[in-house]
Amino acid sequence: AWGCVMNIISTCAFACVAALIYKKKSTLAGAVIG
């Protein structure tokens, strides 16, 4: 369960932040910044 929690935290910290920024600015620059 600890590894599961750490996986979720790590992946969400990366993917959700990138996706949120890309959603606001859907360009190559937005993707890179995200």
Full PDB file with SEQRES, HELIX, SHEET, SSBOND, CRYST1, ORIGX, SCALE, CONECT and MASTER records, all heavy atoms in Angstrom:
SEQRES   1 A   34  ALA TRP GLY CYS VAL MET ASN ILE ILE SER THR CYS ALA          
SEQRES   2 A   34  PHE ALA CYS VAL ALA ALA LEU ILE TYR LYS LYS LYS SER          
SEQRES   3 A   34  THR LEU ALA GLY ALA VAL ILE GLY                              
HELIX    1 AA1 TRP A    2  THR A   11  1                                  10    
HELIX    2 AA2 CYS A   12  CYS A   16  3                                   5    
HELIX    3 AA3 VAL A   17  LYS A   24  1                                   8    
HELIX    4 AA4 LEU A   28  ILE A   33  1                                   6    
CRYST1    1.000    1.000    1.000  90.00  90.00  90.00 P 1           1          
ORIGX1      1.000000  0.000000  0.000000        0.00000                         
ORIGX2      0.000000  1.000000  0.000000        0.00000                         
ORIGX3      0.000000  0.000000  1.000000        0.00000                         
SCALE1      1.000000  0.000000  0.000000        0.00000                         
SCALE2      0.000000  1.000000  0.000000        0.00000                         
SCALE3      0.000000  0.000000  1.000000        0.00000                         
ATOM      1  N   ALA A   1       0.821  -1.211   0.000  1.00  0.00           N  
ATOM      2  CA  ALA A   1       0.000   0.000   0.000  1.00  0.00           C  
ATOM      3  C   ALA A   1       0.860   1.269   0.000  1.00  0.00           C  
ATOM      4  O   ALA A   1       0.504   2.257  -0.647  1.00  0.00           O  
ATOM      5  CB  ALA A   1      -0.934   0.003   1.205  1.00  0.00           C  
ATOM      6  N   TRP A   2       2.001   1.231   0.703  1.00  0.00           N  
ATOM      7  CA  TRP A   2       2.874   2.411   0.719  1.00  0.00           C  
ATOM      8  C   TRP A   2       3.411   2.706  -0.679  1.00  0.00           C  
ATOM      9  O   TRP A   2       3.453   3.861  -1.099  1.00  0.00           O  
ATOM     10  CB  TRP A   2       4.034   2.227   1.698  1.00  0.00           C  
ATOM     11  CG  TRP A   2       3.614   2.291   3.124  1.00  0.00           C  
ATOM     12  CD1 TRP A   2       3.668   1.272   4.036  1.00  0.00           C  
ATOM     13  CD2 TRP A   2       3.049   3.407   3.814  1.00  0.00           C  
ATOM     14  NE1 TRP A   2       3.183   1.696   5.245  1.00  0.00           N  
ATOM     15  CE2 TRP A   2       2.788   3.006   5.139  1.00  0.00           C  
ATOM     16  CE3 TRP A   2       2.733   4.702   3.438  1.00  0.00           C  
ATOM     17  CZ2 TRP A   2       2.237   3.870   6.091  1.00  0.00           C  
ATOM     18  CZ3 TRP A   2       2.178   5.557   4.390  1.00  0.00           C  
ATOM     19  CH2 TRP A   2       1.940   5.136   5.688  1.00  0.00           C  
ATOM     20  N   GLY A   3       3.814   1.679  -1.386  1.00  0.00           N  
ATOM     21  CA  GLY A   3       4.291   1.864  -2.759  1.00  0.00           C  
ATOM     22  C   GLY A   3       3.193   2.384  -3.661  1.00  0.00           C  
ATOM     23  O   GLY A   3       3.433   3.226  -4.527  1.00  0.00           O  
ATOM     24  N   CYS A   4       1.976   1.901  -3.453  1.00  0.00           N  
ATOM     25  CA  CYS A   4       0.818   2.362  -4.223  1.00  0.00           C  
ATOM     26  C   CYS A   4       0.599   3.855  -3.998  1.00  0.00           C  
ATOM     27  O   CYS A   4       0.444   4.620  -4.956  1.00  0.00           O  
ATOM     28  CB  CYS A   4      -0.425   1.561  -3.830  1.00  0.00           C  
ATOM     29  SG  CYS A   4      -1.932   2.066  -4.681  1.00  0.00           S  
ATOM     30  N   VAL A   5       0.620   4.265  -2.740  1.00  0.00           N  
ATOM     31  CA  VAL A   5       0.437   5.686  -2.412  1.00  0.00           C  
ATOM     32  C   VAL A   5       1.537   6.524  -3.056  1.00  0.00           C  
ATOM     33  O   VAL A   5       1.269   7.569  -3.669  1.00  0.00           O  
ATOM     34  CB  VAL A   5       0.414   5.891  -0.876  1.00  0.00           C  
ATOM     35  CG1 VAL A   5       0.516   7.364  -0.503  1.00  0.00           C  
ATOM     36  CG2 VAL A   5      -0.843   5.276  -0.287  1.00  0.00           C  
ATOM     37  N   MET A   6       2.770   6.059  -2.952  1.00  0.00           N  
ATOM     38  CA  MET A   6       3.897   6.802  -3.532  1.00  0.00           C  
ATOM     39  C   MET A   6       3.795   6.877  -5.054  1.00  0.00           C  
ATOM     40  O   MET A   6       4.094   7.917  -5.640  1.00  0.00           O  
ATOM     41  CB  MET A   6       5.226   6.168  -3.105  1.00  0.00           C  
ATOM     42  CG  MET A   6       5.494   6.251  -1.618  1.00  0.00           C  
ATOM     43  SD  MET A   6       5.719   7.918  -1.009  1.00  0.00           S  
ATOM     44  CE  MET A   6       7.463   8.107  -1.301  1.00  0.00           C  
ATOM     45  N   ASN A   7       3.356   5.793  -5.697  1.00  0.00           N  
ATOM     46  CA  ASN A   7       3.160   5.802  -7.153  1.00  0.00           C  
ATOM     47  C   ASN A   7       2.109   6.828  -7.555  1.00  0.00           C  
ATOM     48  O   ASN A   7       2.303   7.577  -8.519  1.00  0.00           O  
ATOM     49  CB  ASN A   7       2.722   4.416  -7.654  1.00  0.00           C  
ATOM     50  CG  ASN A   7       3.886   3.536  -8.002  1.00  0.00           C  
ATOM     51  OD1 ASN A   7       4.935   4.003  -8.405  1.00  0.00           O  
ATOM     52  ND2 ASN A   7       3.697   2.243  -7.846  1.00  0.00           N  
ATOM     53  N   ILE A   8       0.991   6.830  -6.838  1.00  0.00           N  
ATOM     54  CA  ILE A   8      -0.085   7.775  -7.167  1.00  0.00           C  
ATOM     55  C   ILE A   8       0.392   9.209  -6.990  1.00  0.00           C  
ATOM     56  O   ILE A   8       0.184  10.061  -7.855  1.00  0.00           O  
ATOM     57  CB  ILE A   8      -1.342   7.493  -6.314  1.00  0.00           C  
ATOM     58  CG1 ILE A   8      -1.957   6.139  -6.710  1.00  0.00           C  
ATOM     59  CG2 ILE A   8      -2.368   8.617  -6.469  1.00  0.00           C  
ATOM     60  CD1 ILE A   8      -3.029   5.636  -5.756  1.00  0.00           C  
ATOM     61  N   ILE A   9       1.049   9.483  -5.873  1.00  0.00           N  
ATOM     62  CA  ILE A   9       1.541  10.842  -5.605  1.00  0.00           C  
ATOM     63  C   ILE A   9       2.520  11.276  -6.687  1.00  0.00           C  
ATOM     64  O   ILE A   9       2.419  12.370  -7.243  1.00  0.00           O  
ATOM     65  CB  ILE A   9       2.181  10.930  -4.205  1.00  0.00           C  
ATOM     66  CG1 ILE A   9       1.107  10.787  -3.131  1.00  0.00           C  
ATOM     67  CG2 ILE A   9       2.949  12.248  -4.031  1.00  0.00           C  
ATOM     68  CD1 ILE A   9       1.662  10.601  -1.725  1.00  0.00           C  
ATOM     69  N   SER A  10       3.471  10.408  -7.012  1.00  0.00           N  
ATOM     70  CA  SER A  10       4.489  10.744  -8.006  1.00  0.00           C  
ATOM     71  C   SER A  10       3.877  10.987  -9.385  1.00  0.00           C  
ATOM     72  O   SER A  10       4.145  12.010 -10.029  1.00  0.00           O  
ATOM     73  CB  SER A  10       5.515   9.605  -8.081  1.00  0.00           C  
ATOM     74  OG  SER A  10       6.423   9.828  -9.128  1.00  0.00           O  
ATOM     75  N   THR A  11       3.055  10.060  -9.828  1.00  0.00           N  
ATOM     76  CA  THR A  11       2.471  10.181 -11.162  1.00  0.00           C  
ATOM     77  C   THR A  11       1.548  11.382 -11.260  1.00  0.00           C  
ATOM     78  O   THR A  11       1.592  12.129 -12.236  1.00  0.00           O  
ATOM     79  CB  THR A  11       1.719   8.893 -11.538  1.00  0.00           C  
ATOM     80  OG1 THR A  11       2.653   7.816 -11.552  1.00  0.00           O  
ATOM     81  CG2 THR A  11       1.079   8.999 -12.909  1.00  0.00           C  
ATOM     82  N   CYS A  12       0.718  11.595 -10.246  1.00  0.00           N  
ATOM     83  CA  CYS A  12      -0.194  12.741 -10.277  1.00  0.00           C  
ATOM     84  C   CYS A  12       0.560  14.064 -10.222  1.00  0.00           C  
ATOM     85  O   CYS A  12       0.184  15.027 -10.890  1.00  0.00           O  
ATOM     86  CB  CYS A  12      -1.227  12.648  -9.165  1.00  0.00           C  
ATOM     87  SG  CYS A  12      -2.488  11.399  -9.480  1.00  0.00           S  
ATOM     88  N   ALA A  13       1.632  14.112  -9.427  1.00  0.00           N  
ATOM     89  CA  ALA A  13       2.428  15.341  -9.357  1.00  0.00           C  
ATOM     90  C   ALA A  13       2.995  15.691 -10.729  1.00  0.00           C  
ATOM     91  O   ALA A  13       3.058  16.863 -11.099  1.00  0.00           O  
ATOM     92  CB  ALA A  13       3.546  15.198  -8.334  1.00  0.00           C  
ATOM     93  N   PHE A  14       3.375  14.691 -11.502  1.00  0.00           N  
ATOM     94  CA  PHE A  14       3.919  14.940 -12.839  1.00  0.00           C  
ATOM     95  C   PHE A  14       2.794  15.134 -13.859  1.00  0.00           C  
ATOM     96  O   PHE A  14       2.676  16.182 -14.492  1.00  0.00           O  
ATOM     97  CB  PHE A  14       4.833  13.789 -13.275  1.00  0.00           C  
ATOM     98  CG  PHE A  14       5.371  13.960 -14.668  1.00  0.00           C  
ATOM     99  CD1 PHE A  14       6.424  14.827 -14.906  1.00  0.00           C  
ATOM    100  CD2 PHE A  14       4.826  13.274 -15.737  1.00  0.00           C  
ATOM    101  CE1 PHE A  14       6.926  15.012 -16.189  1.00  0.00           C  
ATOM    102  CE2 PHE A  14       5.308  13.444 -17.017  1.00  0.00           C  
ATOM    103  CZ  PHE A  14       6.369  14.316 -17.250  1.00  0.00           C  
ATOM    104  N   ALA A  15       1.976  14.123 -14.035  1.00  0.00           N  
ATOM    105  CA  ALA A  15       1.012  14.101 -15.139  1.00  0.00           C  
ATOM    106  C   ALA A  15      -0.126  15.103 -14.961  1.00  0.00           C  
ATOM    107  O   ALA A  15      -0.538  15.749 -15.929  1.00  0.00           O  
ATOM    108  CB  ALA A  15       0.447  12.689 -15.306  1.00  0.00           C  
ATOM    109  N   CYS A  16      -0.644  15.235 -13.757  1.00  0.00           N  
ATOM    110  CA  CYS A  16      -1.775  16.153 -13.542  1.00  0.00           C  
ATOM    111  C   CYS A  16      -1.347  17.606 -13.682  1.00  0.00           C  
ATOM    112  O   CYS A  16      -2.079  18.419 -14.254  1.00  0.00           O  
ATOM    113  CB  CYS A  16      -2.427  15.897 -12.194  1.00  0.00           C  
ATOM    114  SG  CYS A  16      -3.230  14.285 -12.089  1.00  0.00           S  
ATOM    115  N   VAL A  17      -0.180  17.944 -13.179  1.00  0.00           N  
ATOM    116  CA  VAL A  17       0.333  19.313 -13.326  1.00  0.00           C  
ATOM    117  C   VAL A  17       0.563  19.623 -14.809  1.00  0.00           C  
ATOM    118  O   VAL A  17       0.138  20.665 -15.314  1.00  0.00           O  
ATOM    119  CB  VAL A  17       1.624  19.517 -12.500  1.00  0.00           C  
ATOM    120  CG1 VAL A  17       2.335  20.808 -12.881  1.00  0.00           C  
ATOM    121  CG2 VAL A  17       1.298  19.502 -11.015  1.00  0.00           C  
ATOM    122  N   ALA A  18       1.219  18.705 -15.518  1.00  0.00           N  
ATOM    123  CA  ALA A  18       1.469  18.921 -16.948  1.00  0.00           C  
ATOM    124  C   ALA A  18       0.153  19.047 -17.719  1.00  0.00           C  
ATOM    125  O   ALA A  18      -0.002  19.946 -18.564  1.00  0.00           O  
ATOM    126  CB  ALA A  18       2.308  17.772 -17.511  1.00  0.00           C  
ATOM    127  N   ALA A  19      -0.806  18.177 -17.428  1.00  0.00           N  
ATOM    128  CA  ALA A  19      -2.090  18.192 -18.136  1.00  0.00           C  
ATOM    129  C   ALA A  19      -2.892  19.455 -17.820  1.00  0.00           C  
ATOM    130  O   ALA A  19      -3.550  20.013 -18.702  1.00  0.00           O  
ATOM    131  CB  ALA A  19      -2.896  16.948 -17.782  1.00  0.00           C  
ATOM    132  N   LEU A  20      -2.831  19.914 -16.577  1.00  0.00           N  
ATOM    133  CA  LEU A  20      -3.555  21.123 -16.196  1.00  0.00           C  
ATOM    134  C   LEU A  20      -3.029  22.338 -16.965  1.00  0.00           C  
ATOM    135  O   LEU A  20      -3.797  23.131 -17.511  1.00  0.00           O  
ATOM    136  CB  LEU A  20      -3.442  21.354 -14.690  1.00  0.00           C  
ATOM    137  CG  LEU A  20      -4.168  22.588 -14.153  1.00  0.00           C  
ATOM    138  CD1 LEU A  20      -5.677  22.452 -14.337  1.00  0.00           C  
ATOM    139  CD2 LEU A  20      -3.842  22.790 -12.678  1.00  0.00           C  
ATOM    140  N   ILE A  21      -1.726  22.474 -17.021  1.00  0.00           N  
ATOM    141  CA  ILE A  21      -1.128  23.598 -17.748  1.00  0.00           C  
ATOM    142  C   ILE A  21      -1.412  23.466 -19.237  1.00  0.00           C  
ATOM    143  O   ILE A  21      -1.777  24.441 -19.908  1.00  0.00           O  
ATOM    144  CB  ILE A  21       0.380  23.706 -17.436  1.00  0.00           C  
ATOM    145  CG1 ILE A  21       0.553  24.131 -15.973  1.00  0.00           C  
ATOM    146  CG2 ILE A  21       1.069  24.684 -18.391  1.00  0.00           C  
ATOM    147  CD1 ILE A  21       1.965  24.068 -15.460  1.00  0.00           C  
ATOM    148  N   TYR A  22      -1.292  22.259 -19.777  1.00  0.00           N  
ATOM    149  CA  TYR A  22      -1.567  22.059 -21.202  1.00  0.00           C  
ATOM    150  C   TYR A  22      -3.038  22.339 -21.523  1.00  0.00           C  
ATOM    151  O   TYR A  22      -3.362  22.872 -22.587  1.00  0.00           O  
ATOM    152  CB  TYR A  22      -1.194  20.639 -21.637  1.00  0.00           C  
ATOM    153  CG  TYR A  22      -1.397  20.409 -23.108  1.00  0.00           C  
ATOM    154  CD1 TYR A  22      -0.546  21.002 -24.042  1.00  0.00           C  
ATOM    155  CD2 TYR A  22      -2.435  19.628 -23.572  1.00  0.00           C  
ATOM    156  CE1 TYR A  22      -0.737  20.809 -25.408  1.00  0.00           C  
ATOM    157  CE2 TYR A  22      -2.632  19.421 -24.936  1.00  0.00           C  
ATOM    158  CZ  TYR A  22      -1.774  20.007 -25.842  1.00  0.00           C  
ATOM    159  OH  TYR A  22      -1.968  19.823 -27.190  1.00  0.00           O  
ATOM    160  N   LYS A  23      -3.926  22.027 -20.615  1.00  0.00           N  
ATOM    161  CA  LYS A  23      -5.358  22.290 -20.819  1.00  0.00           C  
ATOM    162  C   LYS A  23      -5.606  23.794 -20.937  1.00  0.00           C  
ATOM    163  O   LYS A  23      -6.436  24.231 -21.721  1.00  0.00           O  
ATOM    164  CB  LYS A  23      -6.163  21.701 -19.663  1.00  0.00           C  
ATOM    165  CG  LYS A  23      -7.650  21.801 -19.841  1.00  0.00           C  
ATOM    166  CD  LYS A  23      -8.377  21.103 -18.713  1.00  0.00           C  
ATOM    167  CE  LYS A  23      -9.877  21.159 -18.937  1.00  0.00           C  
ATOM    168  NZ  LYS A  23     -10.605  20.451 -17.911  1.00  0.00           N  
ATOM    169  N   LYS A  24      -4.871  24.585 -20.158  1.00  0.00           N  
ATOM    170  CA  LYS A  24      -5.014  26.049 -20.201  1.00  0.00           C  
ATOM    171  C   LYS A  24      -4.355  26.651 -21.447  1.00  0.00           C  
ATOM    172  O   LYS A  24      -4.807  27.668 -21.951  1.00  0.00           O  
ATOM    173  CB  LYS A  24      -4.391  26.685 -18.956  1.00  0.00           C  
ATOM    174  CG  LYS A  24      -4.943  26.184 -17.652  1.00  0.00           C  
ATOM    175  CD  LYS A  24      -6.142  26.968 -17.257  1.00  0.00           C  
ATOM    176  CE  LYS A  24      -6.600  26.514 -15.874  1.00  0.00           C  
ATOM    177  NZ  LYS A  24      -8.005  26.679 -15.688  1.00  0.00           N  
ATOM    178  N   LYS A  25      -3.270  26.022 -21.901  1.00  0.00           N  
ATOM    179  CA  LYS A  25      -2.524  26.535 -23.066  1.00  0.00           C  
ATOM    180  C   LYS A  25      -2.162  25.342 -23.948  1.00  0.00           C  
ATOM    181  O   LYS A  25      -1.093  24.757 -23.805  1.00  0.00           O  
ATOM    182  CB  LYS A  25      -1.274  27.276 -22.602  1.00  0.00           C  
ATOM    183  CG  LYS A  25      -0.541  27.967 -23.722  1.00  0.00           C  
ATOM    184  CD  LYS A  25       0.634  28.782 -23.225  1.00  0.00           C  
ATOM    185  CE  LYS A  25       1.299  29.427 -24.419  1.00  0.00           C  
ATOM    186  NZ  LYS A  25       2.356  30.324 -24.051  1.00  0.00           N  
ATOM    187  N   SER A  26      -3.056  24.995 -24.858  1.00  0.00           N  
ATOM    188  CA  SER A  26      -2.901  23.794 -25.687  1.00  0.00           C  
ATOM    189  C   SER A  26      -2.034  24.047 -26.910  1.00  0.00           C  
ATOM    190  O   SER A  26      -2.490  23.984 -28.053  1.00  0.00           O  
ATOM    191  CB  SER A  26      -4.279  23.275 -26.110  1.00  0.00           C  
ATOM    192  OG  SER A  26      -5.042  22.948 -24.986  1.00  0.00           O  
ATOM    193  N   THR A  27      -0.778  24.348 -26.643  1.00  0.00           N  
ATOM    194  CA  THR A  27       0.205  24.561 -27.704  1.00  0.00           C  
ATOM    195  C   THR A  27       1.459  23.772 -27.334  1.00  0.00           C  
ATOM    196  O   THR A  27       1.557  23.246 -26.219  1.00  0.00           O  
ATOM    197  CB  THR A  27       0.586  26.054 -27.808  1.00  0.00           C  
ATOM    198  OG1 THR A  27       1.207  26.459 -26.575  1.00  0.00           O  
ATOM    199  CG2 THR A  27      -0.639  26.928 -28.091  1.00  0.00           C  
ATOM    200  N   LEU A  28       2.411  23.719 -28.243  1.00  0.00           N  
ATOM    201  CA  LEU A  28       3.676  23.060 -27.929  1.00  0.00           C  
ATOM    202  C   LEU A  28       4.344  23.745 -26.738  1.00  0.00           C  
ATOM    203  O   LEU A  28       4.852  23.084 -25.837  1.00  0.00           O  
ATOM    204  CB  LEU A  28       4.604  23.059 -29.152  1.00  0.00           C  
ATOM    205  CG  LEU A  28       5.988  22.451 -28.937  1.00  0.00           C  
ATOM    206  CD1 LEU A  28       5.883  20.997 -28.496  1.00  0.00           C  
ATOM    207  CD2 LEU A  28       6.833  22.582 -30.191  1.00  0.00           C  
ATOM    208  N   ALA A  29       4.302  25.070 -26.720  1.00  0.00           N  
ATOM    209  CA  ALA A  29       4.888  25.809 -25.594  1.00  0.00           C  
ATOM    210  C   ALA A  29       4.176  25.454 -24.287  1.00  0.00           C  
ATOM    211  O   ALA A  29       4.815  25.263 -23.251  1.00  0.00           O  
ATOM    212  CB  ALA A  29       4.818  27.317 -25.840  1.00  0.00           C  
ATOM    213  N   GLY A  30       2.854  25.342 -24.334  1.00  0.00           N  
ATOM    214  CA  GLY A  30       2.086  24.957 -23.156  1.00  0.00           C  
ATOM    215  C   GLY A  30       2.452  23.562 -22.680  1.00  0.00           C  
ATOM    216  O   GLY A  30       2.550  23.306 -21.478  1.00  0.00           O  
ATOM    217  N   ALA A  31       2.650  22.657 -23.648  1.00  0.00           N  
ATOM    218  CA  ALA A  31       3.044  21.284 -23.300  1.00  0.00           C  
ATOM    219  C   ALA A  31       4.420  21.277 -22.640  1.00  0.00           C  
ATOM    220  O   ALA A  31       4.621  20.614 -21.612  1.00  0.00           O  
ATOM    221  CB  ALA A  31       3.040  20.399 -24.542  1.00  0.00           C  
ATOM    222  N   VAL A  32       5.361  22.015 -23.208  1.00  0.00           N  
ATOM    223  CA  VAL A  32       6.722  22.054 -22.659  1.00  0.00           C  
ATOM    224  C   VAL A  32       6.711  22.685 -21.266  1.00  0.00           C  
ATOM    225  O   VAL A  32       7.312  22.146 -20.331  1.00  0.00           O  
ATOM    226  CB  VAL A  32       7.682  22.810 -23.616  1.00  0.00           C  
ATOM    227  CG1 VAL A  32       9.030  23.073 -22.949  1.00  0.00           C  
ATOM    228  CG2 VAL A  32       7.864  22.022 -24.905  1.00  0.00           C  
ATOM    229  N   ILE A  33       6.004  23.802 -21.121  1.00  0.00           N  
ATOM    230  CA  ILE A  33       5.917  24.451 -19.807  1.00  0.00           C  
ATOM    231  C   ILE A  33       5.255  23.504 -18.801  1.00  0.00           C  
ATOM    232  O   ILE A  33       5.719  23.362 -17.663  1.00  0.00           O  
ATOM    233  CB  ILE A  33       5.145  25.789 -19.909  1.00  0.00           C  
ATOM    234  CG1 ILE A  33       5.972  26.800 -20.701  1.00  0.00           C  
ATOM    235  CG2 ILE A  33       4.803  26.330 -18.524  1.00  0.00           C  
ATOM    236  CD1 ILE A  33       5.188  28.033 -21.150  1.00  0.00           C  
ATOM    237  N   GLY A  34       4.177  22.848 -19.214  1.00  0.00           N  
ATOM    238  CA  GLY A  34       3.493  21.903 -18.338  1.00  0.00           C  
ATOM    239  C   GLY A  34       4.392  20.759 -17.911  1.00  0.00           C  
ATOM    240  O   GLY A  34       4.412  20.367 -16.733  1.00  0.00           O  
TER     241      GLY A  34                                                      
MASTER        0    0    0    4    0    0    0    6  240    1    0    3          
END                                                                             
